Amino acid sequence: MSSWRSKRRIWDISQTLRPGLPVWPGDTDFAFDRTWKMEDGSPVNVGRMTMSTHSGTHGDAPLHYSADAPDIASVELDPYIGECLVVDATGVTGGEVNVGDLPHIESADRVLFRTFARFPHDEWDSGFTAIAAETIEWLALQGVKLIGTDAPSVDPQDSKTMAAHKAVLDHDMRILEGLVLDEVPEGRYELVALPLKVAGGDAGLCRAILRELAV
């Protein structure tokens, strides 16, 4: 059984953290440098990173959109592991995924939206497709406890109301943002995307993967 399981295909759906990584306008740029170098005589290489908690692929903590809500170190891990449904929303128009854009969803605890035809690795796309608050409300009624997107936010970039985030908060759901779903066909997978355990963190960076379901 263990040898068969090892052959299940894995998709890495994480962004690569690197200098030049596109970040939300005005947020902290990603930087990496070596503090200890083997070429300088150190027995090991050691690096240092500076970044936003929302760099690349990450999970939002409730603290990100509510001042008295849990930080990322306090959230339960169950929503970030398990079967998920990947939805191809690349054909959505109007700037938001609406309820009418959704396929029939049956027993899906986690739903990931692919909105980019090709993920913008090298430049910031301010016109990304958001998720309508009404869609989040509808998904919550279907039992969905985690929403993921390849966009940098479930709300539009210029949103002042944060209506989608508030809908997530109202239903105690979780969010993954900045996923890379270019090579993933629509369908069902096993998701593993654990956010870093950062005390006081408003988000946690993830190494997110999808794996073929066991037959």
N, C-alpha and C. Protein backbone atom coordinates (compact mmCIF):
# COMPACT_ATOMS: atom_id res chain seq x y z
N MET A 1 0.83 -1.20 0.00
CA MET A 1 0.00 0.00 0.00
C MET A 1 0.87 1.25 0.00
N SER A 2 1.94 1.29 0.82
CA SER A 2 2.77 2.48 0.91
C SER A 2 3.48 2.77 -0.40
N SER A 3 3.91 1.71 -1.13
CA SER A 3 4.59 1.93 -2.40
C SER A 3 3.61 2.46 -3.44
N TRP A 4 2.34 2.00 -3.40
CA TRP A 4 1.34 2.52 -4.33
C TRP A 4 1.03 3.97 -4.06
N ARG A 5 0.89 4.31 -2.78
CA ARG A 5 0.59 5.69 -2.42
C ARG A 5 1.67 6.64 -2.90
N SER A 6 2.92 6.20 -2.90
CA SER A 6 4.02 7.09 -3.29
C SER A 6 3.96 7.46 -4.76
N LYS A 7 3.16 6.72 -5.55
CA LYS A 7 3.07 6.99 -6.98
C LYS A 7 1.93 7.94 -7.33
N ARG A 8 1.15 8.35 -6.33
CA ARG A 8 0.09 9.32 -6.60
C ARG A 8 0.71 10.66 -7.00
N ARG A 9 0.22 11.24 -8.08
CA ARG A 9 0.81 12.47 -8.60
C ARG A 9 0.64 13.62 -7.63
N ILE A 10 1.66 14.45 -7.54
CA ILE A 10 1.64 15.65 -6.69
C ILE A 10 1.83 16.88 -7.56
N TRP A 11 1.00 17.89 -7.32
CA TRP A 11 1.16 19.20 -7.95
C TRP A 11 1.61 20.19 -6.87
N ASP A 12 2.74 20.85 -7.09
CA ASP A 12 3.16 21.93 -6.21
C ASP A 12 2.43 23.19 -6.66
N ILE A 13 1.56 23.72 -5.81
CA ILE A 13 0.74 24.88 -6.20
C ILE A 13 1.19 26.13 -5.44
N SER A 14 2.48 26.16 -5.07
CA SER A 14 3.05 27.29 -4.33
C SER A 14 3.86 28.18 -5.25
N GLN A 15 3.87 29.48 -4.93
CA GLN A 15 4.80 30.39 -5.58
C GLN A 15 6.21 30.18 -5.03
N THR A 16 7.21 30.49 -5.84
CA THR A 16 8.60 30.45 -5.39
C THR A 16 8.95 31.79 -4.77
N LEU A 17 9.35 31.78 -3.50
CA LEU A 17 9.77 33.02 -2.84
C LEU A 17 11.13 33.43 -3.38
N ARG A 18 11.23 34.68 -3.82
CA ARG A 18 12.46 35.14 -4.47
C ARG A 18 12.44 36.65 -4.56
N PRO A 19 13.63 37.28 -4.66
CA PRO A 19 13.64 38.73 -4.94
C PRO A 19 12.91 39.01 -6.25
N GLY A 20 12.14 40.06 -6.27
CA GLY A 20 11.33 40.39 -7.43
C GLY A 20 9.94 39.80 -7.40
N LEU A 21 9.62 39.02 -6.37
CA LEU A 21 8.29 38.46 -6.23
C LEU A 21 7.26 39.59 -6.18
N PRO A 22 6.24 39.57 -7.03
CA PRO A 22 5.22 40.62 -6.96
C PRO A 22 4.49 40.60 -5.62
N VAL A 23 4.31 41.76 -5.01
CA VAL A 23 3.62 41.86 -3.73
C VAL A 23 2.54 42.94 -3.83
N TRP A 24 1.62 42.89 -2.89
CA TRP A 24 0.54 43.89 -2.85
C TRP A 24 1.17 45.28 -2.85
N PRO A 25 0.68 46.20 -3.66
CA PRO A 25 1.29 47.54 -3.74
C PRO A 25 1.44 48.19 -2.37
N GLY A 26 2.67 48.59 -2.05
CA GLY A 26 2.97 49.23 -0.79
C GLY A 26 3.41 48.27 0.30
N ASP A 27 3.26 46.96 0.08
CA ASP A 27 3.67 45.98 1.09
C ASP A 27 5.17 45.73 0.97
N THR A 28 5.71 44.92 1.90
CA THR A 28 7.14 44.68 1.99
C THR A 28 7.63 43.79 0.86
N ASP A 29 8.65 44.22 0.15
CA ASP A 29 9.26 43.39 -0.88
C ASP A 29 9.99 42.21 -0.26
N PHE A 30 10.03 41.11 -0.98
CA PHE A 30 10.78 39.95 -0.51
C PHE A 30 12.26 40.18 -0.76
N ALA A 31 13.07 39.86 0.24
CA ALA A 31 14.53 39.98 0.11
C ALA A 31 15.19 38.78 0.77
N PHE A 32 16.28 38.33 0.19
CA PHE A 32 17.05 37.21 0.73
C PHE A 32 18.53 37.50 0.56
N ASP A 33 19.29 37.24 1.62
CA ASP A 33 20.75 37.38 1.49
C ASP A 33 21.42 36.36 2.41
N ARG A 34 22.68 36.09 2.13
CA ARG A 34 23.46 35.16 2.94
C ARG A 34 24.14 35.92 4.09
N THR A 35 23.93 35.42 5.30
CA THR A 35 24.60 36.02 6.45
C THR A 35 25.88 35.24 6.80
N TRP A 36 25.87 33.95 6.59
CA TRP A 36 27.07 33.11 6.74
C TRP A 36 27.31 32.42 5.40
N LYS A 37 28.55 32.44 4.92
CA LYS A 37 28.86 31.91 3.60
C LYS A 37 30.03 30.93 3.67
N MET A 38 29.86 29.80 3.03
CA MET A 38 30.92 28.80 3.01
C MET A 38 32.16 29.32 2.28
N GLU A 39 31.91 30.16 1.25
CA GLU A 39 33.06 30.69 0.51
C GLU A 39 33.88 31.69 1.33
N ASP A 40 33.29 32.17 2.43
CA ASP A 40 34.02 33.07 3.34
C ASP A 40 34.62 32.33 4.54
N GLY A 41 34.52 31.00 4.51
CA GLY A 41 35.13 30.22 5.59
C GLY A 41 34.15 29.62 6.57
N SER A 42 32.87 29.94 6.46
CA SER A 42 31.89 29.35 7.36
C SER A 42 31.71 27.87 7.02
N PRO A 43 31.48 27.01 8.01
CA PRO A 43 31.24 25.59 7.69
C PRO A 43 29.87 25.34 7.07
N VAL A 44 28.99 26.34 7.11
CA VAL A 44 27.64 26.19 6.56
C VAL A 44 27.21 27.49 5.89
N ASN A 45 26.19 27.38 5.03
CA ASN A 45 25.51 28.56 4.49
C ASN A 45 24.25 28.83 5.33
N VAL A 46 24.04 30.08 5.69
CA VAL A 46 22.84 30.50 6.42
C VAL A 46 22.32 31.77 5.77
N GLY A 47 21.01 31.82 5.55
CA GLY A 47 20.43 32.98 4.90
C GLY A 47 19.47 33.74 5.81
N ARG A 48 19.11 34.92 5.36
CA ARG A 48 18.17 35.77 6.08
C ARG A 48 17.12 36.26 5.09
N MET A 49 15.84 36.25 5.52
CA MET A 49 14.76 36.69 4.66
C MET A 49 14.01 37.86 5.30
N THR A 50 13.61 38.80 4.46
CA THR A 50 12.69 39.86 4.86
C THR A 50 11.50 39.79 3.93
N MET A 51 10.28 39.80 4.49
CA MET A 51 9.11 39.62 3.65
C MET A 51 7.86 40.04 4.39
N SER A 52 6.78 40.19 3.65
CA SER A 52 5.45 40.35 4.23
C SER A 52 4.91 38.99 4.64
N THR A 53 4.04 38.98 5.63
CA THR A 53 3.36 37.73 5.99
C THR A 53 2.43 37.26 4.87
N HIS A 54 2.17 38.14 3.90
CA HIS A 54 1.30 37.79 2.78
C HIS A 54 2.08 37.60 1.49
N SER A 55 3.35 37.30 1.60
CA SER A 55 4.17 37.04 0.42
C SER A 55 3.78 35.70 -0.21
N GLY A 56 3.70 35.68 -1.53
CA GLY A 56 3.49 34.42 -2.23
C GLY A 56 2.23 33.69 -1.78
N THR A 57 2.33 32.37 -1.67
CA THR A 57 1.21 31.52 -1.28
C THR A 57 1.08 31.52 0.23
N HIS A 58 -0.10 31.86 0.73
CA HIS A 58 -0.25 32.02 2.17
C HIS A 58 -1.70 31.78 2.60
N GLY A 59 -1.85 31.53 3.89
CA GLY A 59 -3.18 31.43 4.49
C GLY A 59 -3.43 32.65 5.36
N ASP A 60 -4.55 33.29 5.14
CA ASP A 60 -4.93 34.43 5.98
C ASP A 60 -5.40 33.94 7.35
N ALA A 61 -4.97 34.61 8.40
CA ALA A 61 -5.54 34.37 9.73
C ALA A 61 -6.77 35.24 9.91
N PRO A 62 -7.73 34.82 10.74
CA PRO A 62 -8.86 35.71 11.05
C PRO A 62 -8.40 37.06 11.57
N LEU A 63 -7.23 37.10 12.22
CA LEU A 63 -6.68 38.35 12.73
C LEU A 63 -6.42 39.36 11.61
N HIS A 64 -6.24 38.88 10.40
CA HIS A 64 -5.98 39.78 9.26
C HIS A 64 -7.15 40.72 9.01
N TYR A 65 -8.36 40.28 9.28
CA TYR A 65 -9.53 41.10 8.98
C TYR A 65 -10.45 41.32 10.18
N SER A 66 -9.96 40.96 11.38
CA SER A 66 -10.70 41.27 12.61
C SER A 66 -9.71 41.39 13.75
N ALA A 67 -9.70 42.55 14.41
CA ALA A 67 -8.64 42.86 15.38
C ALA A 67 -8.64 41.93 16.59
N ASP A 68 -9.78 41.35 16.94
CA ASP A 68 -9.84 40.49 18.12
C ASP A 68 -10.00 39.01 17.78
N ALA A 69 -9.67 38.65 16.54
CA ALA A 69 -9.80 37.26 16.08
C ALA A 69 -8.48 36.51 16.24
N PRO A 70 -8.48 35.19 16.11
CA PRO A 70 -7.27 34.39 16.31
C PRO A 70 -6.16 34.71 15.31
N ASP A 71 -4.91 34.57 15.78
CA ASP A 71 -3.77 34.68 14.89
C ASP A 71 -3.56 33.35 14.18
N ILE A 72 -2.61 33.32 13.26
CA ILE A 72 -2.42 32.12 12.44
C ILE A 72 -1.86 30.96 13.27
N ALA A 73 -1.18 31.25 14.37
CA ALA A 73 -0.66 30.19 15.22
C ALA A 73 -1.76 29.49 16.01
N SER A 74 -2.93 30.10 16.09
CA SER A 74 -4.01 29.58 16.94
C SER A 74 -5.08 28.83 16.18
N VAL A 75 -5.08 28.90 14.85
CA VAL A 75 -6.16 28.28 14.10
C VAL A 75 -5.99 26.77 14.04
N GLU A 76 -7.09 26.06 13.93
CA GLU A 76 -7.06 24.61 13.76
C GLU A 76 -6.51 24.28 12.37
N LEU A 77 -5.83 23.15 12.26
CA LEU A 77 -5.18 22.78 11.00
C LEU A 77 -6.08 21.97 10.07
N ASP A 78 -7.16 21.43 10.60
CA ASP A 78 -8.02 20.55 9.80
C ASP A 78 -8.48 21.17 8.47
N PRO A 79 -8.86 22.46 8.42
CA PRO A 79 -9.32 23.00 7.13
C PRO A 79 -8.27 22.95 6.04
N TYR A 80 -6.99 22.90 6.39
CA TYR A 80 -5.91 23.01 5.42
C TYR A 80 -5.45 21.66 4.87
N ILE A 81 -6.07 20.57 5.34
CA ILE A 81 -5.70 19.23 4.91
C ILE A 81 -6.95 18.45 4.58
N GLY A 82 -7.00 17.85 3.38
CA GLY A 82 -8.13 17.00 3.04
C GLY A 82 -8.59 17.20 1.61
N GLU A 83 -9.66 16.52 1.29
CA GLU A 83 -10.17 16.56 -0.08
C GLU A 83 -10.67 17.95 -0.44
N CYS A 84 -10.38 18.36 -1.67
CA CYS A 84 -10.82 19.67 -2.15
C CYS A 84 -11.31 19.56 -3.59
N LEU A 85 -12.02 20.58 -4.01
CA LEU A 85 -12.50 20.69 -5.38
C LEU A 85 -11.82 21.89 -6.03
N VAL A 86 -11.16 21.68 -7.16
CA VAL A 86 -10.58 22.77 -7.94
C VAL A 86 -11.57 23.17 -9.02
N VAL A 87 -11.92 24.46 -9.05
CA VAL A 87 -12.89 25.00 -10.00
C VAL A 87 -12.17 25.91 -10.98
N ASP A 88 -12.37 25.68 -12.26
CA ASP A 88 -11.81 26.54 -13.30
C ASP A 88 -12.73 27.73 -13.50
N ALA A 89 -12.29 28.90 -13.03
CA ALA A 89 -13.08 30.13 -13.15
C ALA A 89 -12.39 31.13 -14.08
N THR A 90 -11.57 30.61 -14.99
CA THR A 90 -10.82 31.51 -15.89
C THR A 90 -11.74 32.24 -16.86
N GLY A 91 -12.93 31.72 -17.09
CA GLY A 91 -13.85 32.37 -18.01
C GLY A 91 -14.79 33.36 -17.36
N VAL A 92 -14.64 33.58 -16.06
CA VAL A 92 -15.53 34.50 -15.34
C VAL A 92 -15.30 35.93 -15.79
N THR A 93 -16.38 36.68 -15.99
CA THR A 93 -16.29 38.09 -16.34
C THR A 93 -16.92 38.93 -15.23
N GLY A 94 -16.62 40.23 -15.26
CA GLY A 94 -17.21 41.13 -14.28
C GLY A 94 -16.40 41.33 -13.02
N GLY A 95 -15.25 40.66 -12.93
CA GLY A 95 -14.34 40.93 -11.82
C GLY A 95 -14.53 40.10 -10.58
N GLU A 96 -15.63 39.33 -10.48
CA GLU A 96 -15.90 38.51 -9.30
C GLU A 96 -16.50 37.18 -9.71
N VAL A 97 -16.18 36.14 -8.95
CA VAL A 97 -16.85 34.85 -9.11
C VAL A 97 -18.18 34.91 -8.39
N ASN A 98 -19.26 34.76 -9.13
CA ASN A 98 -20.60 34.80 -8.56
C ASN A 98 -21.18 33.39 -8.44
N VAL A 99 -22.27 33.27 -7.72
CA VAL A 99 -22.87 31.95 -7.50
C VAL A 99 -23.20 31.27 -8.82
N GLY A 100 -23.65 32.03 -9.78
CA GLY A 100 -24.00 31.47 -11.08
C GLY A 100 -22.81 30.92 -11.85
N ASP A 101 -21.60 31.27 -11.44
CA ASP A 101 -20.39 30.77 -12.10
C ASP A 101 -19.94 29.42 -11.55
N LEU A 102 -20.59 28.96 -10.47
CA LEU A 102 -20.13 27.75 -9.80
C LEU A 102 -20.73 26.51 -10.42
N PRO A 103 -19.94 25.42 -10.46
CA PRO A 103 -20.52 24.13 -10.85
C PRO A 103 -21.32 23.55 -9.68
N HIS A 104 -21.99 22.46 -9.92
CA HIS A 104 -22.67 21.78 -8.81
C HIS A 104 -21.61 21.30 -7.83
N ILE A 105 -21.78 21.63 -6.57
CA ILE A 105 -20.81 21.26 -5.54
C ILE A 105 -21.47 20.29 -4.58
N GLU A 106 -20.90 19.09 -4.49
CA GLU A 106 -21.43 18.06 -3.63
C GLU A 106 -20.36 17.58 -2.66
N SER A 107 -20.61 17.74 -1.38
CA SER A 107 -19.69 17.26 -0.34
C SER A 107 -18.27 17.79 -0.52
N ALA A 108 -18.16 19.08 -0.75
CA ALA A 108 -16.83 19.70 -0.89
C ALA A 108 -16.56 20.55 0.34
N ASP A 109 -15.59 20.12 1.14
CA ASP A 109 -15.22 20.91 2.32
C ASP A 109 -14.30 22.06 1.97
N ARG A 110 -13.59 21.93 0.85
CA ARG A 110 -12.61 22.92 0.44
C ARG A 110 -12.75 23.17 -1.06
N VAL A 111 -12.76 24.43 -1.47
CA VAL A 111 -12.91 24.79 -2.88
C VAL A 111 -11.79 25.76 -3.25
N LEU A 112 -11.06 25.43 -4.32
CA LEU A 112 -9.97 26.27 -4.82
C LEU A 112 -10.37 26.80 -6.20
N PHE A 113 -10.19 28.10 -6.41
CA PHE A 113 -10.57 28.73 -7.67
C PHE A 113 -9.33 29.08 -8.49
N ARG A 114 -9.32 28.59 -9.72
CA ARG A 114 -8.32 29.05 -10.68
C ARG A 114 -8.95 30.17 -11.50
N THR A 115 -8.39 31.37 -11.38
CA THR A 115 -8.96 32.53 -12.09
C THR A 115 -8.04 33.05 -13.19
N PHE A 116 -6.75 32.75 -13.10
CA PHE A 116 -5.79 33.20 -14.11
C PHE A 116 -5.61 32.12 -15.19
N ALA A 117 -5.68 32.53 -16.46
CA ALA A 117 -5.32 31.60 -17.53
C ALA A 117 -3.84 31.22 -17.41
N ARG A 118 -3.03 32.17 -17.01
CA ARG A 118 -1.62 31.93 -16.73
C ARG A 118 -1.22 32.82 -15.56
N PHE A 119 -0.70 32.20 -14.50
CA PHE A 119 -0.40 32.94 -13.29
C PHE A 119 0.67 34.01 -13.56
N PRO A 120 0.47 35.25 -13.04
CA PRO A 120 1.43 36.35 -13.29
C PRO A 120 2.62 36.31 -12.32
N HIS A 121 3.59 35.46 -12.61
CA HIS A 121 4.73 35.30 -11.71
C HIS A 121 5.62 36.54 -11.64
N ASP A 122 5.65 37.33 -12.71
CA ASP A 122 6.66 38.38 -12.80
C ASP A 122 6.13 39.80 -12.69
N GLU A 123 4.82 39.95 -12.57
CA GLU A 123 4.27 41.31 -12.44
C GLU A 123 2.97 41.27 -11.66
N TRP A 124 2.67 42.37 -11.00
CA TRP A 124 1.44 42.48 -10.22
C TRP A 124 0.26 42.74 -11.14
N ASP A 125 -0.81 41.99 -11.00
CA ASP A 125 -2.02 42.17 -11.80
C ASP A 125 -3.11 42.73 -10.90
N SER A 126 -3.37 44.03 -11.01
CA SER A 126 -4.36 44.68 -10.13
C SER A 126 -5.79 44.34 -10.53
N GLY A 127 -5.98 43.76 -11.70
CA GLY A 127 -7.33 43.45 -12.16
C GLY A 127 -7.72 42.00 -11.91
N PHE A 128 -7.18 41.41 -10.86
CA PHE A 128 -7.47 40.00 -10.58
C PHE A 128 -8.96 39.78 -10.28
N THR A 129 -9.39 38.54 -10.43
CA THR A 129 -10.79 38.18 -10.18
C THR A 129 -10.98 37.85 -8.71
N ALA A 130 -11.90 38.53 -8.06
CA ALA A 130 -12.20 38.33 -6.65
C ALA A 130 -13.34 37.31 -6.50
N ILE A 131 -13.73 37.04 -5.27
CA ILE A 131 -14.85 36.14 -4.98
C ILE A 131 -15.95 36.97 -4.34
N ALA A 132 -17.13 36.97 -4.91
CA ALA A 132 -18.23 37.77 -4.36
C ALA A 132 -18.61 37.28 -2.97
N ALA A 133 -18.98 38.22 -2.10
CA ALA A 133 -19.39 37.85 -0.74
C ALA A 133 -20.58 36.90 -0.77
N GLU A 134 -21.50 37.10 -1.71
CA GLU A 134 -22.66 36.21 -1.82
C GLU A 134 -22.23 34.80 -2.17
N THR A 135 -21.18 34.66 -2.95
CA THR A 135 -20.66 33.34 -3.30
C THR A 135 -20.10 32.65 -2.06
N ILE A 136 -19.38 33.40 -1.24
CA ILE A 136 -18.85 32.83 -0.01
C ILE A 136 -19.98 32.40 0.92
N GLU A 137 -21.01 33.23 1.01
CA GLU A 137 -22.17 32.86 1.83
C GLU A 137 -22.78 31.55 1.32
N TRP A 138 -22.93 31.42 0.02
CA TRP A 138 -23.52 30.22 -0.56
C TRP A 138 -22.64 29.00 -0.32
N LEU A 139 -21.32 29.17 -0.48
CA LEU A 139 -20.40 28.05 -0.24
C LEU A 139 -20.45 27.61 1.22
N ALA A 140 -20.56 28.57 2.13
CA ALA A 140 -20.65 28.23 3.56
C ALA A 140 -21.89 27.38 3.82
N LEU A 141 -23.00 27.69 3.16
CA LEU A 141 -24.22 26.92 3.33
C LEU A 141 -24.07 25.49 2.81
N GLN A 142 -23.14 25.29 1.87
CA GLN A 142 -22.87 23.95 1.34
C GLN A 142 -21.88 23.17 2.21
N GLY A 143 -21.41 23.81 3.28
CA GLY A 143 -20.48 23.14 4.18
C GLY A 143 -19.01 23.38 3.90
N VAL A 144 -18.71 24.29 2.98
CA VAL A 144 -17.32 24.58 2.64
C VAL A 144 -16.67 25.33 3.81
N LYS A 145 -15.48 24.88 4.22
CA LYS A 145 -14.79 25.51 5.34
C LYS A 145 -13.48 26.19 4.96
N LEU A 146 -13.06 26.01 3.70
CA LEU A 146 -11.85 26.70 3.21
C LEU A 146 -12.07 27.09 1.76
N ILE A 147 -11.69 28.33 1.44
CA ILE A 147 -11.73 28.83 0.07
C ILE A 147 -10.31 29.20 -0.32
N GLY A 148 -9.88 28.71 -1.47
CA GLY A 148 -8.56 29.06 -1.99
C GLY A 148 -8.68 29.73 -3.33
N THR A 149 -7.70 30.57 -3.66
CA THR A 149 -7.71 31.26 -4.94
C THR A 149 -6.28 31.50 -5.39
N ASP A 150 -6.11 31.58 -6.71
CA ASP A 150 -4.79 31.95 -7.23
C ASP A 150 -4.61 33.46 -7.23
N ALA A 151 -5.66 34.20 -6.96
CA ALA A 151 -5.58 35.65 -6.83
C ALA A 151 -4.94 36.03 -5.49
N PRO A 152 -4.49 37.27 -5.35
CA PRO A 152 -3.89 37.69 -4.08
C PRO A 152 -4.89 38.04 -2.99
N SER A 153 -6.19 38.03 -3.32
CA SER A 153 -7.20 38.36 -2.31
C SER A 153 -8.55 37.85 -2.79
N VAL A 154 -9.44 37.57 -1.84
CA VAL A 154 -10.82 37.25 -2.21
C VAL A 154 -11.63 38.51 -2.47
N ASP A 155 -11.15 39.66 -2.01
CA ASP A 155 -11.78 40.95 -2.29
C ASP A 155 -11.02 41.67 -3.39
N PRO A 156 -11.68 42.55 -4.15
CA PRO A 156 -10.97 43.35 -5.15
C PRO A 156 -9.88 44.21 -4.51
N GLN A 157 -8.89 44.58 -5.28
CA GLN A 157 -7.77 45.35 -4.75
C GLN A 157 -8.22 46.68 -4.14
N ASP A 158 -9.22 47.32 -4.73
CA ASP A 158 -9.65 48.63 -4.25
C ASP A 158 -10.81 48.56 -3.25
N SER A 159 -11.11 47.36 -2.73
CA SER A 159 -12.23 47.22 -1.80
C SER A 159 -11.97 47.97 -0.50
N LYS A 160 -12.96 48.69 -0.03
CA LYS A 160 -12.90 49.37 1.28
C LYS A 160 -13.77 48.65 2.31
N THR A 161 -14.73 47.85 1.84
CA THR A 161 -15.66 47.17 2.75
C THR A 161 -15.16 45.80 3.17
N MET A 162 -14.29 45.17 2.38
CA MET A 162 -13.78 43.82 2.67
C MET A 162 -14.95 42.85 2.88
N ALA A 163 -15.95 42.96 2.02
CA ALA A 163 -17.17 42.18 2.19
C ALA A 163 -16.92 40.67 2.12
N ALA A 164 -16.05 40.25 1.22
CA ALA A 164 -15.77 38.81 1.11
C ALA A 164 -15.06 38.29 2.35
N HIS A 165 -14.07 39.04 2.85
CA HIS A 165 -13.38 38.64 4.07
C HIS A 165 -14.35 38.60 5.26
N LYS A 166 -15.27 39.55 5.31
CA LYS A 166 -16.24 39.58 6.41
C LYS A 166 -17.17 38.36 6.35
N ALA A 167 -17.53 37.95 5.14
CA ALA A 167 -18.36 36.76 4.99
C ALA A 167 -17.61 35.52 5.47
N VAL A 168 -16.33 35.45 5.15
CA VAL A 168 -15.48 34.36 5.64
C VAL A 168 -15.45 34.35 7.16
N LEU A 169 -15.28 35.53 7.75
CA LEU A 169 -15.23 35.64 9.21
C LEU A 169 -16.55 35.22 9.84
N ASP A 170 -17.66 35.64 9.26
CA ASP A 170 -18.98 35.33 9.81
C ASP A 170 -19.21 33.82 9.90
N HIS A 171 -18.61 33.07 8.97
CA HIS A 171 -18.83 31.62 8.92
C HIS A 171 -17.61 30.83 9.41
N ASP A 172 -16.63 31.53 9.99
CA ASP A 172 -15.43 30.89 10.54
C ASP A 172 -14.77 29.99 9.50
N MET A 173 -14.67 30.49 8.28
CA MET A 173 -13.99 29.76 7.20
C MET A 173 -12.52 30.18 7.16
N ARG A 174 -11.76 29.52 6.33
CA ARG A 174 -10.35 29.84 6.16
C ARG A 174 -10.08 30.19 4.69
N ILE A 175 -8.99 30.94 4.48
CA ILE A 175 -8.65 31.43 3.14
C ILE A 175 -7.21 31.05 2.80
N LEU A 176 -7.01 30.56 1.58
CA LEU A 176 -5.68 30.44 0.98
C LEU A 176 -5.63 31.37 -0.22
N GLU A 177 -4.55 32.12 -0.36
CA GLU A 177 -4.40 33.05 -1.48
C GLU A 177 -3.05 32.85 -2.15
N GLY A 178 -2.97 33.28 -3.42
CA GLY A 178 -1.71 33.21 -4.15
C GLY A 178 -1.34 31.81 -4.58
N LEU A 179 -2.31 30.93 -4.78
CA LEU A 179 -2.04 29.58 -5.27
C LEU A 179 -1.66 29.64 -6.75
N VAL A 180 -0.95 28.63 -7.21
CA VAL A 180 -0.58 28.52 -8.63
C VAL A 180 -1.25 27.26 -9.17
N LEU A 181 -2.30 27.43 -9.98
CA LEU A 181 -3.13 26.31 -10.42
C LEU A 181 -3.08 26.10 -11.93
N ASP A 182 -2.06 26.66 -12.59
CA ASP A 182 -1.99 26.60 -14.05
C ASP A 182 -2.07 25.19 -14.61
N GLU A 183 -1.41 24.25 -13.98
CA GLU A 183 -1.30 22.90 -14.54
C GLU A 183 -2.29 21.93 -13.93
N VAL A 184 -3.25 22.43 -13.16
CA VAL A 184 -4.17 21.56 -12.42
C VAL A 184 -5.52 21.51 -13.12
N PRO A 185 -5.93 20.37 -13.65
CA PRO A 185 -7.26 20.27 -14.24
C PRO A 185 -8.35 20.41 -13.18
N GLU A 186 -9.51 20.88 -13.61
CA GLU A 186 -10.64 20.97 -12.70
C GLU A 186 -10.98 19.57 -12.17
N GLY A 187 -11.26 19.49 -10.87
CA GLY A 187 -11.58 18.19 -10.31
C GLY A 187 -11.27 18.13 -8.83
N ARG A 188 -11.23 16.91 -8.30
CA ARG A 188 -11.05 16.69 -6.87
C ARG A 188 -9.65 16.15 -6.57
N TYR A 189 -9.08 16.66 -5.47
CA TYR A 189 -7.71 16.33 -5.07
C TYR A 189 -7.63 16.29 -3.56
N GLU A 190 -6.49 15.84 -3.06
CA GLU A 190 -6.15 16.01 -1.66
C GLU A 190 -5.30 17.27 -1.52
N LEU A 191 -5.70 18.16 -0.64
CA LEU A 191 -4.97 19.40 -0.38
C LEU A 191 -4.15 19.27 0.89
N VAL A 192 -2.90 19.74 0.84
CA VAL A 192 -2.08 19.91 2.03
C VAL A 192 -1.45 21.29 1.92
N ALA A 193 -1.83 22.21 2.80
CA ALA A 193 -1.34 23.60 2.73
C ALA A 193 -1.30 24.18 4.14
N LEU A 194 -0.29 23.81 4.90
CA LEU A 194 -0.22 24.22 6.31
C LEU A 194 0.48 25.58 6.44
N PRO A 195 -0.19 26.58 7.02
CA PRO A 195 0.45 27.88 7.23
C PRO A 195 1.49 27.80 8.35
N LEU A 196 2.55 28.59 8.21
CA LEU A 196 3.56 28.65 9.26
C LEU A 196 2.94 29.12 10.58
N LYS A 197 3.44 28.57 11.67
CA LYS A 197 2.90 28.85 13.00
C LYS A 197 3.59 30.09 13.57
N VAL A 198 3.06 31.26 13.24
CA VAL A 198 3.66 32.53 13.62
C VAL A 198 2.82 33.18 14.72
N ALA A 199 3.38 33.32 15.91
CA ALA A 199 2.66 33.97 17.00
C ALA A 199 2.33 35.41 16.64
N GLY A 200 1.07 35.78 16.74
CA GLY A 200 0.65 37.12 16.37
C GLY A 200 0.53 37.32 14.88
N GLY A 201 0.72 36.27 14.10
CA GLY A 201 0.73 36.41 12.64
C GLY A 201 -0.66 36.61 12.06
N ASP A 202 -0.77 37.59 11.17
CA ASP A 202 -2.03 37.82 10.47
C ASP A 202 -2.14 36.94 9.23
N ALA A 203 -1.07 36.20 8.93
CA ALA A 203 -1.07 35.23 7.84
C ALA A 203 0.12 34.31 8.05
N GLY A 204 0.10 33.18 7.34
CA GLY A 204 1.22 32.26 7.40
C GLY A 204 1.55 31.74 6.02
N LEU A 205 2.82 31.85 5.62
CA LEU A 205 3.23 31.33 4.33
C LEU A 205 3.06 29.82 4.28
N CYS A 206 2.74 29.29 3.08
CA CYS A 206 2.46 27.87 2.91
C CYS A 206 3.31 27.26 1.80
N ARG A 207 3.69 26.01 1.96
CA ARG A 207 4.11 25.18 0.84
C ARG A 207 2.89 24.31 0.53
N ALA A 208 2.12 24.71 -0.45
CA ALA A 208 0.84 24.07 -0.74
C ALA A 208 0.99 23.05 -1.86
N ILE A 209 0.38 21.89 -1.66
CA ILE A 209 0.39 20.86 -2.70
C ILE A 209 -1.00 20.28 -2.88
N LEU A 210 -1.22 19.72 -4.07
CA LEU A 210 -2.37 18.88 -4.33
C LEU A 210 -1.85 17.49 -4.69
N ARG A 211 -2.60 16.46 -4.28
CA ARG A 211 -2.21 15.09 -4.60
C ARG A 211 -3.42 14.34 -5.13
N GLU A 212 -3.17 13.46 -6.09
CA GLU A 212 -4.24 12.63 -6.61
C GLU A 212 -4.91 11.86 -5.47
N LEU A 213 -6.23 11.75 -5.56
CA LEU A 213 -6.94 11.01 -4.53
C LEU A 213 -6.68 9.51 -4.68
N ALA A 214 -6.65 8.82 -3.55
CA ALA A 214 -6.54 7.37 -3.57
C ALA A 214 -7.82 6.78 -4.15
N VAL A 215 -7.67 5.76 -4.95
CA VAL A 215 -8.83 5.11 -5.58
C VAL A 215 -9.41 4.07 -4.63
